[in-house]
Amino acid sequence: MSKKATAATEKKKLGWLDNIAEKSGYDRKIVERFLKKYNIKQSPNTGTPKRVNFLDISFSGQKKGEFNNDFKFEFADLNAGVWGILSDKNGKGKTTAPK
């Protein structure tokens, strides 16, 4: 690594330490010792988000309560997006169905 690249990395590292010190309210030297003690290093980037795509979902069970009956839900050919189980009234088992 060239001297110029090393200097840029060190400058970035110093900015990172100063930022932690400012946000935590601790002295920069204390922050530096803590990070060194626990071998915590600055990440070179913010990382790549992980994505999960569910194409098909199904679940079934037996409803117990005012009405007792078997149920089965199947959702197929799902596209990207946010999906939910909704009802026009509360207390219809939306929370307990996936358990």
Protein backbone atom coordinates (compact mmCIF):
# COMPACT_ATOMS: atom_id res chain seq x y z
CA MET A 1 0.00 0.00 0.00
CA SER A 2 1.34 3.42 -0.90
CA LYS A 3 2.06 6.11 1.69
CA LYS A 4 -0.77 8.20 0.25
CA ALA A 5 -3.29 5.34 0.58
CA THR A 6 -2.07 4.56 4.10
CA ALA A 7 -2.43 8.22 5.11
CA ALA A 8 -6.00 8.32 3.69
CA THR A 9 -6.91 5.17 5.62
CA GLU A 10 -5.48 6.57 8.85
CA LYS A 11 -7.34 9.85 8.35
CA LYS A 12 -10.60 7.93 7.85
CA LYS A 13 -9.86 5.85 10.94
CA LEU A 14 -9.23 8.95 13.04
CA GLY A 15 -12.55 10.41 11.86
CA TRP A 16 -14.27 7.17 12.87
CA LEU A 17 -12.73 7.26 16.35
CA ASP A 18 -13.64 10.92 16.80
CA ASN A 19 -17.20 10.19 15.73
CA ILE A 20 -17.54 7.36 18.28
CA ALA A 21 -16.02 9.52 21.01
CA GLU A 22 -18.40 12.38 20.25
CA LYS A 23 -21.52 10.20 20.15
CA SER A 24 -20.58 8.14 23.23
CA GLY A 25 -19.40 11.08 25.33
CA TYR A 26 -16.09 9.34 26.09
CA ASP A 27 -12.63 10.69 25.47
CA ARG A 28 -11.10 9.61 22.17
CA LYS A 29 -8.19 7.83 23.91
CA ILE A 30 -10.62 5.74 26.02
CA VAL A 31 -12.55 4.79 22.88
CA GLU A 32 -9.32 3.86 21.10
CA ARG A 33 -8.18 1.64 24.02
CA PHE A 34 -11.59 -0.06 24.22
CA LEU A 35 -11.67 -0.83 20.51
CA LYS A 36 -8.10 -2.13 20.61
CA LYS A 37 -8.75 -4.26 23.73
CA TYR A 38 -11.72 -6.02 22.08
CA ASN A 39 -10.15 -6.08 18.61
CA ILE A 40 -12.97 -4.03 17.07
CA LYS A 41 -11.99 -2.76 13.65
CA GLN A 42 -13.66 -0.30 11.35
CA SER A 43 -15.66 -1.99 8.63
CA PRO A 44 -14.40 -1.09 5.15
CA ASN A 45 -17.96 -0.49 3.91
CA THR A 46 -21.57 -0.49 5.02
CA GLY A 47 -22.15 -4.01 3.76
CA THR A 48 -24.60 -5.50 1.33
CA PRO A 49 -28.17 -5.96 2.52
CA LYS A 50 -29.44 -9.54 2.57
CA ARG A 51 -32.80 -10.17 0.95
CA VAL A 52 -35.26 -13.00 1.37
CA ASN A 53 -37.96 -13.71 -1.20
CA PHE A 54 -40.85 -15.99 -0.32
CA LEU A 55 -42.47 -17.31 -3.49
CA ASP A 56 -45.08 -19.51 -1.81
CA ILE A 57 -46.39 -19.61 1.76
CA SER A 58 -48.86 -22.01 3.30
CA PHE A 59 -49.96 -22.78 6.85
CA SER A 60 -52.85 -24.60 8.45
CA GLY A 61 -54.23 -25.43 11.86
CA GLN A 62 -57.34 -25.60 13.98
CA LYS A 63 -59.10 -22.51 15.27
CA LYS A 64 -60.22 -22.74 18.89
CA GLY A 65 -62.52 -20.24 20.55
CA GLU A 66 -66.00 -19.04 19.67
CA PHE A 67 -65.77 -21.08 16.46
CA ASN A 68 -63.79 -24.31 16.19
CA ASN A 69 -62.77 -25.21 12.69
CA ASP A 70 -59.81 -26.26 10.59
CA PHE A 71 -58.18 -23.65 8.40
CA LYS A 72 -55.63 -23.64 5.64
CA PHE A 73 -54.04 -20.63 3.96
CA GLU A 74 -52.06 -20.91 0.75
CA PHE A 75 -50.40 -17.99 -1.01
CA ALA A 76 -48.70 -18.89 -4.28
CA ASP A 77 -46.81 -17.00 -6.99
CA LEU A 78 -45.96 -14.11 -4.68
CA ASN A 79 -44.15 -11.14 -6.18
CA ALA A 80 -41.72 -8.77 -4.48
CA GLY A 81 -43.31 -6.56 -1.85
CA VAL A 82 -44.80 -6.60 1.61
CA TRP A 83 -47.66 -8.99 2.25
CA GLY A 84 -49.95 -9.18 5.27
CA ILE A 85 -52.89 -11.01 6.78
CA LEU A 86 -55.71 -8.56 7.50
CA SER A 87 -59.26 -8.62 8.81
CA ASP A 88 -62.04 -6.06 9.05
CA LYS A 89 -62.35 -6.82 12.79
CA ASN A 90 -59.96 -7.38 15.66
CA GLY A 91 -59.68 -10.72 17.50
CA LYS A 92 -59.91 -12.88 14.37
CA GLY A 93 -56.70 -14.90 14.95
CA LYS A 94 -54.32 -12.99 12.66
CA THR A 95 -51.54 -13.06 15.26
CA THR A 96 -51.96 -16.67 16.41
CA ALA A 97 -52.48 -18.24 12.97
CA PRO A 98 -48.76 -18.34 12.01
CA LYS A 99 -47.66 -19.70 15.43
